[in-house]
């Protein structure tokens, strides 16, 4: 069971009372994690972890050092505080040091479900059995991962800040493959509340993709209109989010400097249908209410109708530039147009439906160009209908061009991507001029 707010507050106060530094910051995270791994339509392993991490940063003037440990007895607390102070005294001065924040006003977090937190191994096994039953009934091989995480995080400073928030999250992903290995499908979901869990629907989607993708036919690499399902769209859009940085733009080392003259904020850099915002209390994909520095996270428009509205900006750079600090987003929402997937497909004369993108890696930071592969269901669209499965591709694409060439979007979903699990509510996207650079032989 994760520590309560009162227990965490008491622990942070004890640590700070041991400090003799000019200022100090304490971070605490605790988690109860459980997971089930399955393959060949059966559970292959299970694990349960109880984790606790404590960190103290001690500051003398602009000299700082941090120590992380996982014991709460009196001796361990004293030793950790002492070590951080000893290292801080001999550390070089940090010209960008910012003193710890005083008390802040935070929104009430809503990323915790008591129902989810009360779930245990029996519930996980029962949830997963439904998915395994689907793959068995379809006579395909199912494999994947189901995790349940109940956690609490907190931050306290010697200047009087204290914030605590509990959270729960369930992640599920499944790959379904035909026995012959000639068809593969994938699907995922992420929820805060287990009452919203439907592993059968997710498994059925993966199964259908596996059956539909059997014996793909050859199609040459080129530029095509594409329909990116929510998971594929998520992967690309998240890459853009982490690069929206005020300092790198001001210092002329951002991809934004290749899109705009002068200050990019306030300029129309993307297609008019592109909008992205973050909101830690967004019901369908809630997230942490505070940033790593302790700044409160609020609803923030990053892109609105194609116009760049905000850039991440840390406290030091905000002070230097005499502007307001803007913390990193902890979730990302794309409102979408709520068109059905079938409606998006119907608007394509000849293009490709992409289920999933995989192994995305940077090619050119100056333009935010990435490469990666399609997998687990790639289909040709002709005259507004899916006509046949096709081979997989390697692509070279920038998320900026995805938003520039955005034609239409569907209903947002909270799904997982191939890399990263930050809460996101993202719709399928219809995008023109998607560059497939070569064919991939993988099925």
Protein backbone atom coordinates (compact mmCIF):
# COMPACT_ATOMS: atom_id res chain seq x y z
CA UNK A 1 0.00 0.00 0.00
CA UNK A 2 1.35 3.42 -0.96
CA UNK A 3 2.02 5.95 1.84
CA UNK A 4 -0.72 8.44 2.68
CA UNK A 5 -0.32 12.21 2.34
CA UNK A 6 0.11 12.52 6.12
CA UNK A 7 2.86 9.88 6.14
CA UNK A 8 4.69 11.51 3.24
CA UNK A 9 4.38 14.98 4.75
CA UNK A 10 5.80 13.73 8.03
CA UNK A 11 8.72 12.10 6.22
CA UNK A 12 9.58 15.20 4.18
CA UNK A 13 9.47 17.35 7.31
CA UNK A 14 11.83 14.97 9.09
CA UNK A 15 14.29 15.09 6.20
CA UNK A 16 14.19 18.87 5.89
CA UNK A 17 14.62 19.30 9.65
CA UNK A 18 17.88 17.35 9.38
CA UNK A 19 19.21 19.76 6.78
CA UNK A 20 21.74 22.47 7.61
CA UNK A 21 22.03 23.69 4.01
CA UNK A 22 21.00 27.15 2.84
CA UNK A 23 18.07 25.50 1.07
CA UNK A 24 16.91 21.99 0.23
CA UNK A 25 14.42 20.08 -1.91
CA UNK A 26 12.97 16.63 -1.23
CA UNK A 27 11.34 14.35 -3.80
CA UNK A 28 9.60 11.12 -2.80
CA UNK A 29 8.01 8.49 -5.01
CA UNK A 30 6.41 5.23 -3.95
CA UNK A 31 4.77 2.59 -6.12
CA UNK A 32 3.11 -0.79 -5.97
CA UNK A 33 3.55 -2.39 -9.40
CA UNK A 34 2.07 -5.63 -10.65
CA UNK A 35 2.33 -7.14 -14.11
CA UNK A 36 1.50 -10.21 -16.15
CA UNK A 37 3.35 -11.20 -19.30
CA UNK A 38 1.73 -13.64 -21.72
CA UNK A 39 2.76 -15.50 -24.89
CA UNK A 40 1.43 -18.43 -26.92
CA UNK A 41 -2.01 -17.70 -25.44
CA UNK A 42 -0.95 -18.30 -21.86
CA UNK A 43 0.52 -16.42 -18.90
CA UNK A 44 4.29 -16.87 -18.88
CA UNK A 45 5.38 -14.72 -15.94
CA UNK A 46 4.13 -12.40 -13.23
CA UNK A 47 5.79 -9.89 -10.96
CA UNK A 48 5.01 -7.59 -8.07
CA UNK A 49 7.18 -4.72 -6.88
CA UNK A 50 7.02 -2.32 -3.95
CA UNK A 51 9.25 0.65 -4.68
CA UNK A 52 10.31 3.65 -2.65
CA UNK A 53 12.69 6.38 -3.75
CA UNK A 54 13.76 9.41 -1.71
CA UNK A 55 15.93 12.22 -3.01
CA UNK A 56 17.34 15.32 -1.32
CA UNK A 57 19.06 18.21 -3.06
CA UNK A 58 21.14 20.39 -0.76
CA UNK A 59 22.19 23.91 -1.76
CA UNK A 60 24.86 26.22 -0.40
CA UNK A 61 24.58 29.43 -2.35
CA UNK A 62 24.62 28.26 -5.95
CA UNK A 63 26.44 25.01 -5.16
CA UNK A 64 24.22 21.92 -5.19
CA UNK A 65 24.30 18.15 -4.91
CA UNK A 66 21.71 15.39 -4.65
CA UNK A 67 21.51 11.97 -3.05
CA UNK A 68 18.91 9.28 -3.75
CA UNK A 69 18.18 6.37 -1.43
CA UNK A 70 15.37 4.03 -0.37
CA UNK A 71 15.54 3.64 3.43
CA UNK A 72 13.50 5.63 5.98
CA UNK A 73 15.19 4.73 9.28
CA UNK A 74 16.80 7.57 11.24
CA UNK A 75 20.38 6.56 10.49
CA UNK A 76 19.78 6.35 6.71
CA UNK A 77 18.03 9.71 6.61
CA UNK A 78 20.85 11.43 8.49
CA UNK A 79 23.51 9.78 6.34
CA UNK A 80 21.80 10.78 3.08
CA UNK A 81 21.34 14.41 4.14
CA UNK A 82 24.95 14.60 5.34
CA UNK A 83 26.32 13.17 2.08
CA UNK A 84 24.32 15.57 -0.06
CA UNK A 85 25.62 18.50 1.98
CA UNK A 86 29.21 17.32 1.84
CA UNK A 87 29.07 17.01 -1.93
CA UNK A 88 27.26 20.32 -2.34
CA UNK A 89 30.00 22.20 -0.46
CA UNK A 90 32.67 21.06 -2.92
CA UNK A 91 30.54 21.25 -6.09
CA UNK A 92 31.20 24.00 -8.64
CA UNK A 93 28.93 27.01 -8.61
CA UNK A 94 25.97 26.76 -10.97
CA UNK A 95 25.40 30.04 -12.86
CA UNK A 96 21.86 28.89 -13.68
CA UNK A 97 20.90 27.94 -10.13
CA UNK A 98 17.36 28.80 -9.10
CA UNK A 99 16.33 28.73 -5.43
CA UNK A 100 13.59 26.28 -4.42
CA UNK A 101 10.03 27.46 -4.83
CA UNK A 102 7.87 28.52 -1.90
CA UNK A 103 4.31 27.23 -1.43
CA UNK A 104 2.28 27.02 -4.65
CA UNK A 105 -1.40 26.61 -5.50
CA UNK A 106 -2.17 23.35 -7.27
CA UNK A 107 -5.24 21.89 -8.87
CA UNK A 108 -6.86 18.91 -7.21
CA UNK A 109 -5.42 15.77 -8.87
CA UNK A 110 -7.80 13.26 -10.45
CA UNK A 111 -5.41 10.57 -11.64
CA UNK A 112 -6.26 8.11 -8.85
CA UNK A 113 -8.92 5.39 -8.74
CA UNK A 114 -9.61 3.57 -5.48
CA UNK A 115 -11.14 0.70 -7.48
CA UNK A 116 -7.92 0.27 -9.45
CA UNK A 117 -5.75 0.57 -6.34
CA UNK A 118 -7.77 -2.19 -4.65
CA UNK A 119 -7.17 -4.60 -7.55
CA UNK A 120 -4.70 -7.43 -7.12
CA UNK A 121 -3.34 -10.54 -8.87
CA UNK A 122 -6.74 -12.21 -9.09
CA UNK A 123 -8.22 -9.22 -10.90
CA UNK A 124 -5.26 -8.98 -13.29
CA UNK A 125 -5.54 -12.67 -14.16
CA UNK A 126 -9.29 -12.37 -14.74
CA UNK A 127 -8.87 -9.30 -16.97
CA UNK A 128 -6.17 -10.98 -19.01
CA UNK A 129 -8.05 -14.26 -19.35
CA UNK A 130 -10.71 -12.49 -21.42
CA UNK A 131 -8.05 -11.38 -23.92
CA UNK A 132 -6.45 -14.83 -24.05
CA UNK A 133 -9.86 -16.38 -24.70
CA UNK A 134 -10.20 -14.13 -27.75
CA UNK A 135 -6.89 -15.17 -29.28
CA UNK A 136 -7.53 -18.84 -28.58
CA UNK A 137 -10.99 -18.71 -30.13
CA UNK A 138 -9.56 -17.11 -33.28
CA UNK A 139 -6.75 -19.69 -33.45
CA UNK A 140 -4.00 -17.07 -33.46
CA UNK A 141 -1.03 -16.65 -31.13
CA UNK A 142 -1.43 -13.87 -28.58
CA UNK A 143 1.39 -12.22 -26.63
CA UNK A 144 1.72 -9.05 -24.64
CA UNK A 145 1.92 -7.27 -21.33
CA UNK A 146 -0.55 -6.09 -18.68
CA UNK A 147 0.62 -3.76 -15.91
CA UNK A 148 -1.08 -2.11 -12.97
CA UNK A 149 0.70 0.69 -11.13
CA UNK A 150 -0.50 2.42 -7.97
CA UNK A 151 1.84 5.22 -6.98
CA UNK A 152 2.29 8.39 -4.98
CA UNK A 153 4.69 11.25 -5.59
CA UNK A 154 5.53 14.26 -3.47
CA UNK A 155 7.81 17.27 -3.38
CA UNK A 156 8.75 19.54 -0.49
CA UNK A 157 11.16 22.46 -0.15
CA UNK A 158 12.75 24.30 2.72
CA UNK A 159 10.94 27.40 1.41
CA UNK A 160 7.55 25.93 2.35
CA UNK A 161 6.34 24.09 -0.76
CA UNK A 162 4.58 20.76 -0.34
CA UNK A 163 2.61 18.80 -2.92
CA UNK A 164 1.38 15.21 -2.86
CA UNK A 165 -0.55 13.23 -5.43
CA UNK A 166 -1.54 9.57 -5.75
CA UNK A 167 -2.18 7.94 -9.13
CA UNK A 168 -3.21 4.69 -10.75
CA UNK A 169 -2.73 3.47 -14.29
CA UNK A 170 -3.29 0.24 -16.21
CA UNK A 171 -1.37 -0.40 -19.45
CA UNK A 172 -2.20 -3.22 -21.84
CA UNK A 173 -0.75 -4.15 -25.21
CA UNK A 174 -1.25 -7.27 -27.29
CA UNK A 175 0.24 -8.69 -30.47
CA UNK A 176 -1.71 -11.34 -32.34
CA UNK A 177 0.00 -13.43 -35.02
CA UNK A 178 -1.27 -16.19 -37.23
CA UNK A 179 0.18 -19.64 -36.62
CA UNK A 180 1.77 -19.51 -40.08
CA UNK A 181 3.47 -16.18 -39.26
CA UNK A 182 1.98 -14.47 -42.31
CA UNK A 183 -0.27 -12.02 -40.49
CA UNK A 184 0.21 -9.77 -37.45
CA UNK A 185 -1.97 -7.33 -35.53
CA UNK A 186 -1.47 -5.09 -32.51
CA UNK A 187 -3.66 -3.04 -30.18
CA UNK A 188 -3.36 -1.31 -26.81
CA UNK A 189 -5.15 0.71 -24.18
CA UNK A 190 -4.40 2.75 -21.09
CA UNK A 191 -6.87 3.64 -18.31
CA UNK A 192 -6.85 5.25 -14.90
CA UNK A 193 -9.95 3.46 -13.61
CA UNK A 194 -10.27 -0.31 -14.00
CA UNK A 195 -14.02 0.12 -14.38
CA UNK A 196 -13.25 1.49 -17.88
CA UNK A 197 -11.21 -1.58 -18.79
CA UNK A 198 -12.22 -3.70 -21.78
CA UNK A 199 -9.42 -6.05 -22.74
CA UNK A 200 -11.72 -8.11 -24.96
CA UNK A 201 -12.34 -5.22 -27.35
CA UNK A 202 -8.62 -4.49 -27.51
CA UNK A 203 -7.72 -8.15 -28.10
CA UNK A 204 -10.41 -8.46 -30.77
CA UNK A 205 -8.90 -5.52 -32.65
CA UNK A 206 -5.47 -7.13 -32.65
CA UNK A 207 -6.94 -10.49 -33.73
CA UNK A 208 -8.84 -8.94 -36.62
CA UNK A 209 -5.74 -7.09 -37.80
CA UNK A 210 -3.76 -10.35 -37.74
CA UNK A 211 -6.38 -12.14 -39.83
CA UNK A 212 -6.82 -9.25 -42.25
CA UNK A 213 -3.07 -8.78 -42.77
CA UNK A 214 -2.35 -12.34 -43.91
CA UNK A 215 -0.23 -12.74 -47.04
CA UNK A 216 0.54 -9.09 -47.75
CA UNK A 217 1.16 -8.16 -51.37
CA UNK A 218 4.00 -6.04 -52.67
CA UNK A 219 3.71 -2.27 -52.87
CA UNK A 220 6.53 0.08 -53.76
CA UNK A 221 7.77 2.79 -51.43
CA UNK A 222 6.68 6.31 -52.36
CA UNK A 223 4.77 9.26 -50.93
CA UNK A 224 1.18 8.40 -50.09
CA UNK A 225 -1.78 9.82 -48.23
CA UNK A 226 -2.04 7.84 -44.98
CA UNK A 227 -4.52 7.16 -42.25
CA UNK A 228 -2.55 6.89 -39.02
CA UNK A 229 -4.43 4.99 -36.34
CA UNK A 230 -4.28 6.56 -32.89
CA UNK A 231 -1.19 4.67 -31.70
CA UNK A 232 0.81 5.61 -34.80
CA UNK A 233 -0.32 9.23 -34.55
CA UNK A 234 0.61 9.28 -30.87
CA UNK A 235 4.19 8.20 -31.59
CA UNK A 236 4.83 11.02 -34.04
CA UNK A 237 2.99 13.81 -32.21
CA UNK A 238 4.76 13.08 -28.91
CA UNK A 239 8.11 13.65 -30.65
CA UNK A 240 7.00 17.17 -31.50
CA UNK A 241 5.88 17.99 -27.96
CA UNK A 242 9.29 17.45 -26.36
CA UNK A 243 10.92 19.75 -28.90
CA UNK A 244 8.73 22.79 -28.24
CA UNK A 245 11.35 24.55 -26.14
CA UNK A 246 11.71 28.30 -25.68
CA UNK A 247 15.41 28.33 -24.85
CA UNK A 248 16.52 26.23 -27.82
CA UNK A 249 14.41 28.44 -30.07
CA UNK A 250 15.90 31.65 -28.62
CA UNK A 251 19.40 30.22 -29.01
CA UNK A 252 18.71 29.33 -32.68
CA UNK A 253 19.20 25.58 -32.25
CA UNK A 254 15.60 24.47 -32.65
CA UNK A 255 13.71 22.97 -35.57
CA UNK A 256 11.42 25.98 -35.12
CA UNK A 257 14.15 28.27 -36.46
CA UNK A 258 13.77 26.51 -39.82
CA UNK A 259 10.02 27.09 -39.84
CA UNK A 260 9.78 30.74 -38.83
CA UNK A 261 11.59 34.05 -38.97
CA UNK A 262 11.98 35.63 -35.55
CA UNK A 263 9.91 34.46 -32.60
CA UNK A 264 7.90 31.39 -33.70
CA UNK A 265 5.32 31.80 -30.94
CA UNK A 266 2.15 33.28 -32.39
CA UNK A 267 2.95 32.22 -35.94
CA UNK A 268 0.89 29.87 -38.13
CA UNK A 269 3.38 27.02 -38.57
CA UNK A 270 1.03 24.07 -39.03
CA UNK A 271 -2.19 23.17 -40.79
CA UNK A 272 -5.34 24.91 -39.63
CA UNK A 273 -6.78 21.64 -38.26
CA UNK A 274 -3.84 21.05 -35.91
CA UNK A 275 -4.53 21.72 -32.22
CA UNK A 276 -2.70 20.33 -29.18
CA UNK A 277 -3.07 21.13 -25.50
CA UNK A 278 -2.18 19.67 -22.11
CA UNK A 279 -4.34 19.62 -19.00
CA UNK A 280 -3.36 17.59 -15.91
CA UNK A 281 -7.00 17.19 -14.84
CA UNK A 282 -8.32 16.15 -18.26
CA UNK A 283 -10.73 13.37 -17.39
CA UNK A 284 -9.89 10.90 -20.17
CA UNK A 285 -6.11 11.12 -19.64
CA UNK A 286 -5.20 12.80 -16.33
CA UNK A 287 -1.60 13.47 -15.35
CA UNK A 288 0.61 14.99 -12.68
CA UNK A 289 -0.41 18.43 -11.40
CA UNK A 290 3.17 19.64 -10.89
CA UNK A 291 6.45 19.78 -12.76
CA UNK A 292 9.86 18.56 -11.64
CA UNK A 293 10.72 22.03 -10.34
CA UNK A 294 7.44 22.28 -8.45
CA UNK A 295 5.67 24.64 -10.84
CA UNK A 296 1.92 24.00 -11.01
CA UNK A 297 0.75 22.50 -14.30
CA UNK A 298 -2.31 24.14 -15.83
CA UNK A 299 -4.20 23.71 -19.05
CA UNK A 300 -1.85 24.97 -21.77
CA UNK A 301 -2.51 25.37 -25.49
CA UNK A 302 0.60 24.42 -27.43
CA UNK A 303 -0.84 24.62 -30.92
CA UNK A 304 -4.25 26.11 -31.69
CA UNK A 305 -5.72 25.92 -35.21
CA UNK A 306 -2.21 25.63 -36.61
CA UNK A 307 -0.74 28.55 -34.61
CA UNK A 308 2.07 27.93 -32.13
CA UNK A 309 0.75 29.26 -28.83
CA UNK A 310 3.30 28.23 -26.18
CA UNK A 311 6.78 26.81 -25.66
CA UNK A 312 8.20 25.00 -22.64
CA UNK A 313 10.32 27.43 -20.63
CA UNK A 314 12.28 26.65 -17.46
CA UNK A 315 12.57 29.00 -14.50
CA UNK A 316 16.11 30.16 -15.23
CA UNK A 317 15.45 31.02 -18.85
CA UNK A 318 12.15 32.68 -17.98
CA UNK A 319 13.93 34.94 -15.49
CA UNK A 320 16.69 35.75 -17.97
CA UNK A 321 14.22 36.61 -20.73
CA UNK A 322 11.79 38.31 -18.30
CA UNK A 323 8.91 36.08 -19.32
CA UNK A 324 6.70 33.58 -17.53
CA UNK A 325 7.97 30.05 -16.96
CA UNK A 326 5.96 27.33 -18.72
CA UNK A 327 6.40 23.80 -17.31
CA UNK A 328 6.65 20.72 -19.50
CA UNK A 329 3.38 18.99 -20.31
CA UNK A 330 2.62 15.82 -18.38
CA UNK A 331 -0.07 14.73 -20.83
CA UNK A 332 -1.15 15.66 -24.34
CA UNK A 333 -4.58 15.99 -25.88
CA UNK A 334 -5.56 16.42 -29.52
CA UNK A 335 -9.29 17.20 -29.67
CA UNK A 336 -9.86 15.81 -33.15
CA UNK A 337 -12.95 16.06 -35.34
CA UNK A 338 -14.54 12.83 -34.05
CA UNK A 339 -14.89 11.31 -37.51
CA UNK A 340 -15.07 7.52 -37.59
CA UNK A 341 -12.09 5.58 -38.88
CA UNK A 342 -14.26 4.44 -41.79
CA UNK A 343 -15.02 8.08 -42.61
CA UNK A 344 -11.32 8.94 -42.71
CA UNK A 345 -10.61 5.97 -44.96
CA UNK A 346 -13.47 6.92 -47.29
CA UNK A 347 -11.70 10.23 -48.10
CA UNK A 348 -8.63 8.50 -49.55
CA UNK A 349 -8.48 7.66 -53.28
CA UNK A 350 -5.25 5.70 -52.99
CA UNK A 351 -3.23 5.55 -49.81
CA UNK A 352 -2.19 3.45 -46.84
CA UNK A 353 -3.69 2.62 -43.45
CA UNK A 354 -1.03 2.33 -40.73
CA UNK A 355 -1.79 0.47 -37.51
CA UNK A 356 1.48 1.01 -35.71
CA UNK A 357 4.88 2.68 -36.00
CA UNK A 358 7.94 1.14 -34.43
CA UNK A 359 11.60 1.90 -33.65
CA UNK A 360 11.45 5.64 -34.27
CA UNK A 361 14.85 7.33 -34.29
CA UNK A 362 16.09 10.83 -35.00
CA UNK A 363 17.63 11.49 -38.43
CA UNK A 364 17.93 15.28 -38.57
CA UNK A 365 17.38 17.42 -35.46
CA UNK A 366 17.31 20.64 -37.48
CA UNK A 367 14.04 19.64 -39.14
CA UNK A 368 12.83 17.09 -36.56
CA UNK A 369 13.10 14.35 -39.19
CA UNK A 370 12.59 10.82 -37.85
CA UNK A 371 12.80 7.37 -39.35
CA UNK A 372 10.99 4.20 -38.31
CA UNK A 373 9.01 1.20 -39.52
CA UNK A 374 5.39 0.25 -39.95
CA UNK A 375 4.24 -3.07 -38.53
CA UNK A 376 1.32 -5.21 -37.31
CA UNK A 377 -1.16 -4.26 -40.02
CA UNK A 378 -0.41 -2.11 -43.08
CA UNK A 379 -3.15 -1.90 -45.71
CA UNK A 380 -3.76 -0.37 -49.13
CA UNK A 381 -6.72 2.00 -49.45
CA UNK A 382 -8.31 2.38 -52.88
CA UNK A 383 -11.38 4.44 -53.73
CA UNK A 384 -12.18 4.96 -50.07
CA UNK A 385 -11.97 1.30 -49.02
CA UNK A 386 -9.32 -1.05 -47.65
CA UNK A 387 -8.57 -3.47 -50.48
CA UNK A 388 -5.62 -5.60 -49.35
CA UNK A 389 -2.75 -5.96 -46.88
CA UNK A 390 0.63 -4.77 -48.13
CA UNK A 391 4.26 -5.08 -47.10
CA UNK A 392 5.68 -2.93 -44.33
CA UNK A 393 7.75 0.17 -44.99
CA UNK A 394 10.53 2.28 -43.58
CA UNK A 395 9.50 5.91 -43.41
CA UNK A 396 11.30 9.25 -43.12
CA UNK A 397 8.92 11.83 -41.71
CA UNK A 398 8.80 14.89 -39.49
CA UNK A 399 5.89 15.38 -37.08
CA UNK A 400 5.84 19.01 -38.22
CA UNK A 401 4.92 17.85 -41.73
CA UNK A 402 2.29 15.52 -40.29
CA UNK A 403 0.57 18.54 -38.74
CA UNK A 404 1.15 20.69 -41.81
CA UNK A 405 -0.45 18.07 -44.06
CA UNK A 406 -3.28 17.14 -41.70
CA UNK A 407 -6.51 16.72 -43.67
CA UNK A 408 -8.93 15.29 -41.10
CA UNK A 409 -9.00 13.53 -37.75
CA UNK A 410 -11.11 11.00 -35.89
CA UNK A 411 -12.27 10.26 -32.35
CA UNK A 412 -9.52 10.60 -29.71
CA UNK A 413 -8.40 7.44 -27.91
CA UNK A 414 -6.13 6.78 -24.94
CA UNK A 415 -3.74 4.20 -26.26
CA UNK A 416 -0.09 3.30 -25.86
CA UNK A 417 2.61 3.94 -28.40
CA UNK A 418 5.66 1.87 -29.19
CA UNK A 419 7.83 4.00 -26.91
CA UNK A 420 6.73 5.92 -23.83
CA UNK A 421 3.56 5.79 -21.75
CA UNK A 422 2.77 9.44 -21.01
CA UNK A 423 -1.04 9.84 -20.93
CA UNK A 424 -2.25 11.01 -24.34
CA UNK A 425 -5.71 11.31 -25.89
CA UNK A 426 -5.07 11.29 -29.63
CA UNK A 427 -7.34 10.63 -32.65
CA UNK A 428 -6.54 8.76 -35.87
CA UNK A 429 -5.23 11.20 -38.49
CA UNK A 430 -5.62 11.53 -42.25
CA UNK A 431 -2.37 13.02 -43.55
CA UNK A 432 -1.19 13.79 -47.07
CA UNK A 433 2.29 13.25 -48.54
CA UNK A 434 3.69 10.72 -46.05
CA UNK A 435 7.16 9.62 -47.15
CA UNK A 436 7.88 5.88 -47.25
CA UNK A 437 11.55 5.59 -48.14
CA UNK A 438 11.90 1.81 -48.62
CA UNK A 439 10.17 -1.54 -48.23
CA UNK A 440 10.58 -3.64 -45.07
CA UNK A 441 10.41 -7.43 -45.30
CA UNK A 442 9.21 -7.92 -41.71
CA UNK A 443 5.68 -9.26 -41.18
